[in-house]
C-alpha cells in the first residue's frame, strides 16, 4: 500500500511541475507577442487556475499519504486475540514478488507498545516464538480498562533490516455477557503460541462443551504456565511449558465438572492415585486436560462480607513504670589486642629472622665450593671462561690487533694424561 501511495504522489508532483512549466512558457510567449491588456487578463486567469490546481494536488497527496489504521473492538471480560500475519507485512518490504525467479520469505520481528508509552497496556501481552512465525497480541481487558487503546506495531525485516510501522486501535467496550460460572483447565502438552489461533481454540471449546453439556461457552483468559511461576522446559522435543485456559458460561456446572470440587477428588490428586472421576475428553491428544490442575470458580453466589474489626477501648493496659536496663560492665580489650595484633607481628618477625639466617649465614662460599669440586672440572670452567673472553675480543676488535688464538686442546690433553697417570 505504501509503495502505491508513493507512486501516485510522485506522479501528481510530476504532472504539476509540467503544468507549471508549460504555464510559464506559454505566459512568456504571450507577453512577447501580444503586449496588451488582454494578455494580462489571461495571465491572471491562468494564475488563478494554477493556484486551484495546486491546492487540489496538495489535498489529494495528503489524503493518499495517510494510511488508515486497523481498528478492532472487544468487550470487557472476554479474551482478545489479534494475530500479526507475516504474509500481510511481507508486501511492505522489497523485494516481495518474484525477482529474477526467486520469492523471498524474510524473517520478521514484531515489537509492540502503546502509543507514546514504552510498554503495552497492563491487560495486553505480546508473544512471538520465532521470526518465521506469526505474532500474537492477546489479553483480557477488565471493566476499568474500557476506552481506546492505540498500539504501535514495528516490523523489522531481519534480511534487509527495513522497518515498517502500523497502528492498531483497540476499542474496549462494556461487558456484553455475564459469565458467573467459570472453569480453568491446564493443558500440559501445549504452548501459548499454539493455543492462540482460532482453530485450536475451537477444538478446545468443543471438548469442554462435551464436559459442560452446553454450547454457551466463551474464552475468558489464556495464559502461559511461565507467567504463573512455572519452570522453563528443556529445548527438547516432548517438553512443553503448559497453558492455562479459562472459559465461562451463564449455565451452571455439570455433574462431571462438579467432581473437581469434591474432597475425594482432592485426596486422589494429593496421593497420586488414579483419578476415578476424570470425565474429560479430547479429540486431539495435545489438547488433553490435566484433571488435577483444573479448578472451578463459582461467582454466582455473592461472596460473604469480611468480618468487621472489633473495636477496643483504644488505650493500652497499664504495665507499670519503665525501668531501663543497667549499663554493661567494663570490658578489658588488652587480651583481644594481644591476640589480634601482637601475636601476628611476633610471628612475622620470627619468620623474617629465620629467612635472614638462611640467606646470609648458610652460604657455602667460593673456597668451600672449590675444595669440593674436582680439579678437572675447575680447569674446564676456567678454560671455557678464557676462550669466551678471547672470542669476544676477536669479535670486537680488528684482526690485525688481536693475538692469534691459543691452542687450548693440547694443554688440556696433556693435563688429563698427567692426572690419569698419577
Protein backbone atom coordinates (compact mmCIF):
# COMPACT_ATOMS: atom_id res chain seq x y z
CA UNK A 1 0.00 0.00 0.00
CA UNK A 2 2.79 2.46 0.87
CA UNK A 3 4.55 1.83 -2.44
CA UNK A 4 1.35 2.63 -4.33
CA UNK A 5 0.89 5.84 -2.33
CA UNK A 6 4.45 6.94 -3.09
CA UNK A 7 3.99 6.20 -6.80
CA UNK A 8 0.73 8.18 -7.02
CA UNK A 9 2.25 11.07 -5.08
CA UNK A 10 5.30 11.22 -7.35
CA UNK A 11 3.10 11.15 -10.47
CA UNK A 12 0.99 14.02 -9.15
CA UNK A 13 4.08 16.09 -8.39
CA UNK A 14 5.49 15.36 -11.86
CA UNK A 15 2.25 16.40 -13.57
CA UNK A 16 2.03 19.57 -11.51
CA UNK A 17 5.63 20.53 -12.34
CA UNK A 18 4.98 20.03 -16.06
CA UNK A 19 1.86 22.11 -15.80
CA UNK A 20 3.69 24.97 -14.13
CA UNK A 21 6.48 24.80 -16.68
CA UNK A 22 4.03 24.92 -19.57
CA UNK A 23 2.15 27.77 -17.95
CA UNK A 24 5.30 29.85 -17.54
CA UNK A 25 6.44 29.20 -21.13
CA UNK A 26 3.06 29.99 -22.61
CA UNK A 27 2.71 33.09 -20.48
CA UNK A 28 6.13 34.35 -21.50
CA UNK A 29 5.40 33.72 -25.20
CA UNK A 30 2.12 35.58 -25.00
CA UNK A 31 3.80 38.54 -23.34
CA UNK A 32 6.41 38.76 -26.10
CA UNK A 33 3.95 38.50 -28.94
CA UNK A 34 0.94 40.48 -27.71
CA UNK A 35 1.84 43.02 -25.05
CA UNK A 36 -1.67 44.22 -24.39
CA UNK A 37 -4.24 44.32 -21.62
CA UNK A 38 -5.86 41.06 -22.74
CA UNK A 39 -2.59 39.22 -22.11
CA UNK A 40 -2.54 40.40 -18.51
CA UNK A 41 -6.10 39.22 -18.03
CA UNK A 42 -5.24 35.77 -19.43
CA UNK A 43 -2.22 35.59 -17.16
CA UNK A 44 -4.36 36.39 -14.12
CA UNK A 45 -6.85 33.70 -15.10
CA UNK A 46 -4.04 31.20 -15.58
CA UNK A 47 -2.57 32.11 -12.19
CA UNK A 48 -5.96 31.60 -10.53
CA UNK A 49 -6.38 28.28 -12.27
CA UNK A 50 -2.87 27.23 -11.26
CA UNK A 51 -3.49 28.09 -7.60
CA UNK A 52 -6.65 25.99 -7.56
CA UNK A 53 -4.81 23.11 -9.22
CA UNK A 54 -2.01 23.37 -6.65
CA UNK A 55 -4.49 23.29 -3.78
CA UNK A 56 -6.27 20.24 -5.17
CA UNK A 57 -2.97 18.46 -5.76
CA UNK A 58 -1.78 19.06 -2.21
CA UNK A 59 -5.09 17.87 -0.78
CA UNK A 60 -5.03 14.71 -2.88
CA UNK A 61 -1.44 13.94 -1.93
CA UNK A 62 -2.17 14.50 1.76
CA UNK A 63 -5.24 12.27 1.52
CA UNK A 64 -3.32 9.48 -0.17
CA UNK A 65 -0.31 9.72 2.14
CA UNK A 66 -2.42 8.98 5.21
CA UNK A 67 -2.63 5.27 5.85
CA UNK A 68 -5.75 4.04 7.56
CA UNK A 69 -5.34 2.44 10.99
CA UNK A 70 -6.52 -1.06 11.80
CA UNK A 71 -9.49 -0.77 14.14
CA UNK A 72 -10.91 -3.59 16.23
CA UNK A 73 -13.30 -3.85 19.15
CA UNK A 74 -13.54 -6.18 22.11
CA UNK A 75 -15.84 -6.33 25.14
CA UNK A 76 -14.52 -6.27 28.69
CA UNK A 77 -14.24 -9.60 30.43
CA UNK A 78 -13.61 -11.70 27.32
CA UNK A 79 -10.44 -12.90 25.64
CA UNK A 80 -8.97 -10.68 22.92
CA UNK A 81 -6.60 -12.19 20.35
CA UNK A 82 -5.09 -10.34 17.37
CA UNK A 83 -2.77 -12.29 15.09
CA UNK A 84 0.01 -10.46 13.22
CA UNK A 85 0.35 -12.32 9.93
CA UNK A 86 3.77 -12.23 8.32
CA UNK A 87 2.26 -12.60 4.86
CA UNK A 88 0.47 -9.26 5.18
CA UNK A 89 3.60 -7.34 6.14
CA UNK A 90 5.75 -9.03 3.52
CA UNK A 91 4.28 -6.70 0.90
CA UNK A 92 5.77 -3.70 2.72
CA UNK A 93 9.34 -4.85 2.05
CA UNK A 94 11.09 -5.09 -1.27
CA UNK A 95 11.51 -7.43 -2.91
CA UNK A 96 8.40 -9.45 -2.15
CA UNK A 97 7.25 -10.56 -5.59
CA UNK A 98 9.36 -12.67 -7.87
CA UNK A 99 12.74 -11.08 -8.54
CA UNK A 100 14.77 -12.99 -11.08
CA UNK A 101 12.71 -16.09 -10.39
CA UNK A 102 13.12 -16.02 -6.59
CA UNK A 103 10.48 -15.40 -3.93
CA UNK A 104 11.71 -14.13 -0.57
CA UNK A 105 10.42 -15.46 2.73
CA UNK A 106 12.07 -12.98 5.05
CA UNK A 107 12.21 -13.43 8.84
CA UNK A 108 10.41 -10.60 10.60
CA UNK A 109 10.39 -9.45 14.22
CA UNK A 110 7.42 -7.60 15.72
CA UNK A 111 7.69 -5.09 18.54
CA UNK A 112 4.53 -3.63 20.06
CA UNK A 113 3.91 -0.84 22.54
CA UNK A 114 1.20 1.61 23.44
CA UNK A 115 1.43 4.90 21.59
CA UNK A 116 3.68 7.36 23.48
CA UNK A 117 4.43 4.69 26.08
CA UNK A 118 7.33 2.22 26.26
CA UNK A 119 5.16 -0.81 27.13
CA UNK A 120 1.81 -2.34 26.32
CA UNK A 121 -1.30 -1.77 28.45
CA UNK A 122 -1.39 -3.85 31.61
CA UNK A 123 -4.05 -6.22 30.26
CA UNK A 124 -2.38 -6.84 26.88
CA UNK A 125 0.54 -9.15 26.11
CA UNK A 126 2.57 -9.99 23.01
CA UNK A 127 4.34 -13.19 22.03
CA UNK A 128 6.29 -14.43 19.02
CA UNK A 129 8.23 -17.66 19.24
CA UNK A 130 10.35 -17.35 16.09
CA UNK A 131 10.98 -14.71 13.36
CA UNK A 132 9.49 -17.13 10.85
CA UNK A 133 6.20 -17.41 12.80
CA UNK A 134 3.31 -15.02 13.33
CA UNK A 135 2.97 -12.82 16.38
CA UNK A 136 0.00 -12.57 18.73
CA UNK A 137 -1.45 -9.78 20.83
CA UNK A 138 -3.71 -11.28 23.50
CA UNK A 139 -5.24 -10.45 26.84
CA UNK A 140 -8.46 -9.92 28.76
CA UNK A 141 -9.48 -6.30 29.43
CA UNK A 142 -11.28 -5.56 32.68
CA UNK A 143 -14.06 -3.09 33.33
CA UNK A 144 -11.61 -0.35 34.33
CA UNK A 145 -9.73 -0.82 31.04
CA UNK A 146 -12.56 0.45 28.88
CA UNK A 147 -11.65 3.04 26.31
CA UNK A 148 -9.46 3.48 23.27
CA UNK A 149 -6.03 1.84 23.12
CA UNK A 150 -3.67 2.77 20.27
CA UNK A 151 -0.97 0.15 19.76
CA UNK A 152 2.11 0.84 17.64
CA UNK A 153 3.44 -2.18 15.75
CA UNK A 154 7.01 -2.01 14.46
CA UNK A 155 8.03 -4.69 11.97
CA UNK A 156 11.72 -5.32 11.25
CA UNK A 157 12.87 -7.32 8.26
CA UNK A 158 15.82 -9.37 9.52
CA UNK A 159 17.16 -9.88 5.99
CA UNK A 160 17.28 -6.28 4.78
CA UNK A 161 16.73 -4.59 8.19
CA UNK A 162 13.99 -2.42 6.76
CA UNK A 163 11.34 -1.29 9.22
CA UNK A 164 7.65 -0.63 8.91
CA UNK A 165 5.20 0.93 11.36
CA UNK A 166 1.47 0.35 11.72
CA UNK A 167 -1.12 1.43 14.25
CA UNK A 168 -3.78 -0.81 15.77
CA UNK A 169 -6.72 0.80 17.53
CA UNK A 170 -8.46 -1.40 20.13
CA UNK A 171 -11.76 -0.09 21.42
CA UNK A 172 -12.65 -1.79 24.70
CA UNK A 173 -16.37 -1.62 25.35
CA UNK A 174 -18.54 -2.64 28.30
CA UNK A 175 -19.12 -6.27 29.16
CA UNK A 176 -21.65 -7.94 26.88
CA UNK A 177 -22.10 -11.31 28.60
CA UNK A 178 -22.36 -12.20 32.25
CA UNK A 179 -20.49 -15.43 32.96
CA UNK A 180 -20.71 -16.23 36.67
CA UNK A 181 -19.70 -19.88 36.15
CA UNK A 182 -16.05 -20.13 35.19
CA UNK A 183 -13.67 -23.07 34.91
CA UNK A 184 -9.92 -23.06 34.44
CA UNK A 185 -8.17 -26.01 32.81
CA UNK A 186 -4.48 -26.80 32.42
CA UNK A 187 -3.29 -28.19 29.09
CA UNK A 188 0.10 -29.75 29.66
CA UNK A 189 1.15 -30.55 26.07
CA UNK A 190 0.67 -27.08 24.60
CA UNK A 191 2.49 -23.76 24.29
CA UNK A 192 0.90 -20.34 24.31
CA UNK A 193 1.55 -19.69 20.59
CA UNK A 194 -0.13 -22.96 19.61
CA UNK A 195 -3.33 -22.24 21.57
CA UNK A 196 -3.99 -18.66 20.45
CA UNK A 197 -5.05 -19.46 16.85
CA UNK A 198 -8.82 -19.54 16.44
CA UNK A 199 -8.85 -23.11 15.05
CA UNK A 200 -7.17 -24.51 18.17
CA UNK A 201 -9.47 -22.50 20.43
CA UNK A 202 -12.47 -24.00 18.67
CA UNK A 203 -11.12 -27.52 19.25
CA UNK A 204 -10.72 -26.84 22.96
CA UNK A 205 -14.16 -25.26 23.14
CA UNK A 206 -15.78 -28.35 21.58
CA UNK A 207 -14.05 -30.64 24.09
CA UNK A 208 -15.19 -28.53 27.03
CA UNK A 209 -18.73 -28.36 25.66
CA UNK A 210 -18.97 -32.15 25.98
CA UNK A 211 -17.97 -31.96 29.64
CA UNK A 212 -20.06 -28.88 30.45
CA UNK A 213 -23.02 -30.06 28.36
CA UNK A 214 -23.71 -26.61 26.98
CA UNK A 215 -22.75 -24.64 23.88
CA UNK A 216 -22.85 -21.24 25.55
CA UNK A 217 -19.14 -21.04 26.32
CA UNK A 218 -16.70 -18.19 25.81
CA UNK A 219 -12.99 -17.84 26.45
CA UNK A 220 -12.13 -15.54 29.31
CA UNK A 221 -8.37 -15.86 29.52
CA UNK A 222 -5.42 -17.84 28.16
CA UNK A 223 -2.07 -17.61 29.95
CA UNK A 224 1.20 -19.49 29.90
CA UNK A 225 2.35 -21.54 32.86
CA UNK A 226 5.57 -19.49 32.85
CA UNK A 227 3.56 -16.42 33.86
CA UNK A 228 2.44 -18.29 36.98
CA UNK A 229 5.81 -19.41 38.21
CA UNK A 230 6.24 -22.47 36.00
CA UNK A 231 9.66 -23.76 35.04
CA UNK A 232 11.15 -23.21 31.61
CA UNK A 233 11.06 -26.53 29.72
CA UNK A 234 14.13 -28.10 28.19
CA UNK A 235 14.67 -27.27 24.49
CA UNK A 236 13.97 -30.88 23.52
CA UNK A 237 11.03 -32.45 21.70
CA UNK A 238 8.33 -33.62 24.05
CA UNK A 239 8.78 -30.81 26.59
CA UNK A 240 6.18 -28.04 26.75
CA UNK A 241 5.58 -25.06 29.01
CA UNK A 242 1.85 -25.72 29.53
CA UNK A 243 -1.12 -23.37 29.13
CA UNK A 244 -3.97 -22.35 31.44
CA UNK A 245 -7.31 -21.90 29.67
CA UNK A 246 -10.28 -20.26 31.40
CA UNK A 247 -13.80 -20.49 29.98
CA UNK A 248 -17.05 -19.10 31.29
CA UNK A 249 -20.77 -19.54 30.83
CA UNK A 250 -24.09 -18.47 32.25
CA UNK A 251 -25.08 -22.13 32.62
CA UNK A 252 -24.27 -23.98 35.87
CA UNK A 253 -21.62 -26.67 36.02
CA UNK A 254 -22.42 -30.21 35.02
CA UNK A 255 -22.08 -33.17 37.34
CA UNK A 256 -18.84 -34.05 35.60
CA UNK A 257 -17.26 -30.70 36.44
CA UNK A 258 -18.63 -30.64 39.97
CA UNK A 259 -16.35 -33.56 40.80
CA UNK A 260 -13.42 -31.14 40.71
CA UNK A 261 -14.59 -29.51 43.93
CA UNK A 262 -15.23 -32.76 45.83
CA UNK A 263 -12.97 -33.72 48.72
CA UNK A 264 -12.48 -37.22 47.31
CA UNK A 265 -11.04 -35.76 44.10
CA UNK A 266 -8.61 -33.61 46.07
CA UNK A 267 -7.43 -36.60 48.15
CA UNK A 268 -6.80 -38.62 44.99
CA UNK A 269 -4.76 -35.80 43.46
CA UNK A 270 -2.65 -35.40 46.62
CA UNK A 271 -2.00 -39.12 46.97
CA UNK A 272 -1.11 -39.51 43.30
CA UNK A 273 -3.54 -42.34 42.72
CA UNK A 274 -5.57 -42.83 39.56
CA UNK A 275 -8.33 -40.27 39.21
CA UNK A 276 -11.66 -42.04 39.30
CA UNK A 277 -13.85 -39.06 38.37
CA UNK A 278 -11.96 -37.94 35.25
CA UNK A 279 -14.58 -37.36 32.55
CA UNK A 280 -12.50 -35.14 30.27
CA UNK A 281 -12.49 -35.83 26.54
CA UNK A 282 -10.03 -34.60 23.94
CA UNK A 283 -10.30 -35.05 20.19
CA UNK A 284 -6.66 -34.00 19.83
CA UNK A 285 -4.16 -35.64 22.23
CA UNK A 286 -2.31 -32.33 22.52
CA UNK A 287 -5.46 -30.71 23.97
CA UNK A 288 -5.94 -33.21 26.80
CA UNK A 289 -6.66 -31.57 30.15
CA UNK A 290 -4.73 -32.23 33.33
CA UNK A 291 -7.65 -33.07 35.61
CA UNK A 292 -5.85 -32.48 38.91
CA UNK A 293 -4.75 -28.97 37.93
CA UNK A 294 -8.22 -27.81 36.91
CA UNK A 295 -10.35 -25.53 39.06
CA UNK A 296 -13.94 -24.27 39.25
CA UNK A 297 -14.76 -20.64 40.01
CA UNK A 298 -18.37 -20.10 41.03
CA UNK A 299 -19.21 -16.39 41.07
CA UNK A 300 -22.96 -16.83 41.02
CA UNK A 301 -23.17 -16.53 44.78
CA UNK A 302 -22.13 -13.25 46.32
CA UNK A 303 -19.05 -13.51 48.46
CA UNK A 304 -19.70 -13.20 52.19
CA UNK A 305 -18.63 -9.85 53.59
CA UNK A 306 -15.47 -9.73 55.62
CA UNK A 307 -15.96 -9.69 59.38
CA UNK A 308 -15.98 -6.20 60.83
CA UNK A 309 -13.00 -5.36 63.02
CA UNK A 310 -13.59 -5.46 66.76
CA UNK A 311 -13.22 -2.09 68.35
CA UNK A 312 -11.27 -1.88 71.58
CA UNK A 313 -11.11 0.86 74.21
CA UNK A 314 -8.21 2.46 72.36
CA UNK A 315 -5.97 2.62 75.47
CA UNK A 316 -3.19 0.17 76.20
CA UNK A 317 -3.32 -1.59 79.56
CA UNK A 318 -1.07 -0.32 82.38
CA UNK A 319 2.11 -2.39 82.63
CA UNK A 320 3.99 -0.45 85.31
CA UNK A 321 6.79 2.02 85.06
CA UNK A 322 9.58 1.54 82.56
CA UNK A 323 12.86 0.56 84.18
CA UNK A 324 15.78 0.96 81.80
CA UNK A 325 18.50 -1.75 81.92
CA UNK A 326 21.75 -1.06 83.69
CA UNK A 327 24.87 -0.23 81.72
CA UNK A 328 27.06 -3.28 80.93
CA UNK A 329 30.28 -3.77 82.95
CA UNK A 330 33.63 -2.51 81.63
CA UNK A 331 35.49 -4.90 79.39
CA UNK A 332 39.27 -5.34 79.12
CA UNK A 333 40.29 -5.32 75.43
CA UNK A 334 44.05 -5.92 76.05
CA UNK A 335 43.85 -9.73 75.58
CA UNK A 336 42.00 -9.21 72.31
CA UNK A 337 44.65 -6.72 71.23
CA UNK A 338 47.43 -9.18 72.04
CA UNK A 339 45.69 -11.95 70.14
CA UNK A 340 44.81 -9.94 67.02
CA UNK A 341 47.82 -7.60 66.69
CA UNK A 342 50.86 -8.59 68.76
CA UNK A 343 50.77 -12.32 68.04
CA UNK A 344 50.72 -11.92 64.21
CA UNK A 345 53.53 -9.32 64.40
CA UNK A 346 55.67 -11.64 66.51
CA UNK A 347 55.12 -14.50 64.07
CA UNK A 348 56.09 -12.30 61.11
CA UNK A 349 59.27 -11.13 62.90
CA UNK A 350 60.26 -14.72 63.66
CA UNK A 351 59.82 -15.73 60.04
CA UNK A 352 61.94 -12.75 58.90
CA UNK A 353 64.77 -13.74 61.26
CA UNK A 354 64.67 -17.33 60.03
CA UNK A 355 64.80 -16.22 56.40
CA UNK A 356 67.73 -13.86 57.13
CA UNK A 357 69.72 -16.68 58.78
CA UNK A 358 69.12 -18.99 55.84
CA UNK A 359 70.08 -16.38 53.24
CA UNK A 360 73.09 -14.85 54.97
CA UNK A 361 74.56 -17.42 57.38
CA UNK A 362 74.13 -20.66 55.45
CA UNK A 363 76.05 -19.76 52.27
CA UNK A 364 78.84 -22.17 51.25
CA UNK A 365 81.40 -19.67 49.96
CA UNK A 366 83.77 -19.86 46.98
CA UNK A 367 86.65 -21.62 48.80
CA UNK A 368 84.47 -24.36 50.18
CA UNK A 369 82.92 -24.85 46.76
CA UNK A 370 86.34 -25.11 45.07
CA UNK A 371 87.61 -27.67 47.59
CA UNK A 372 84.64 -29.93 46.90
CA UNK A 373 84.89 -29.54 43.10
CA UNK A 374 87.29 -31.82 41.10
CA UNK A 375 90.32 -30.14 39.54
CA UNK A 376 89.41 -31.29 36.06
CA UNK A 377 86.01 -29.65 36.30
CA UNK A 378 87.58 -26.42 37.58
CA UNK A 379 90.07 -26.50 34.72
CA UNK A 380 87.25 -26.92 32.21
CA UNK A 381 85.43 -23.97 33.73
CA UNK A 382 88.50 -21.71 33.59
CA UNK A 383 89.32 -22.64 30.00
CA UNK A 384 85.72 -22.01 28.94
CA UNK A 385 85.81 -18.56 30.52
CA UNK A 386 89.13 -17.76 28.86
CA UNK A 387 88.03 -18.91 25.45
CA UNK A 388 84.79 -16.94 25.76
CA UNK A 389 86.72 -13.78 26.61
CA UNK A 390 89.11 -14.34 23.71
CA UNK A 391 86.21 -14.79 21.26
CA UNK A 392 84.65 -11.55 22.49
CA UNK A 393 87.92 -9.68 21.92
CA UNK A 394 88.23 -11.12 18.43
CA UNK A 395 84.67 -10.16 17.57
CA UNK A 396 85.02 -6.64 18.96
CA UNK A 397 88.40 -5.58 17.56
CA UNK A 398 90.25 -5.79 14.28
CA UNK A 399 92.00 -8.99 13.31
CA UNK A 400 95.37 -7.25 12.91
CA UNK A 401 95.46 -6.04 16.51
CA UNK A 402 94.20 -9.26 18.15
CA UNK A 403 96.60 -12.06 19.09
CA UNK A 404 96.28 -15.32 17.30
CA UNK A 405 94.08 -17.84 19.19
CA UNK A 406 95.85 -20.14 21.56
CA UNK A 407 95.69 -23.88 21.14
CA UNK A 408 93.64 -24.91 24.16
CA UNK A 409 93.14 -28.51 23.26
CA UNK A 410 96.82 -29.68 23.56
CA UNK A 411 97.38 -28.45 27.15
CA UNK A 412 94.05 -29.93 28.15
CA UNK A 413 95.02 -33.38 26.85
CA UNK A 414 98.41 -33.21 28.48
CA UNK A 415 96.86 -32.32 31.82
CA UNK A 416 94.35 -35.14 31.57
CA UNK A 417 97.09 -37.68 30.81
CA UNK A 418 99.18 -36.48 33.74
CA UNK A 419 96.23 -36.76 36.09
CA UNK A 420 95.38 -40.23 34.78
CA UNK A 421 98.97 -41.49 35.35
CA UNK A 422 99.07 -40.12 38.87
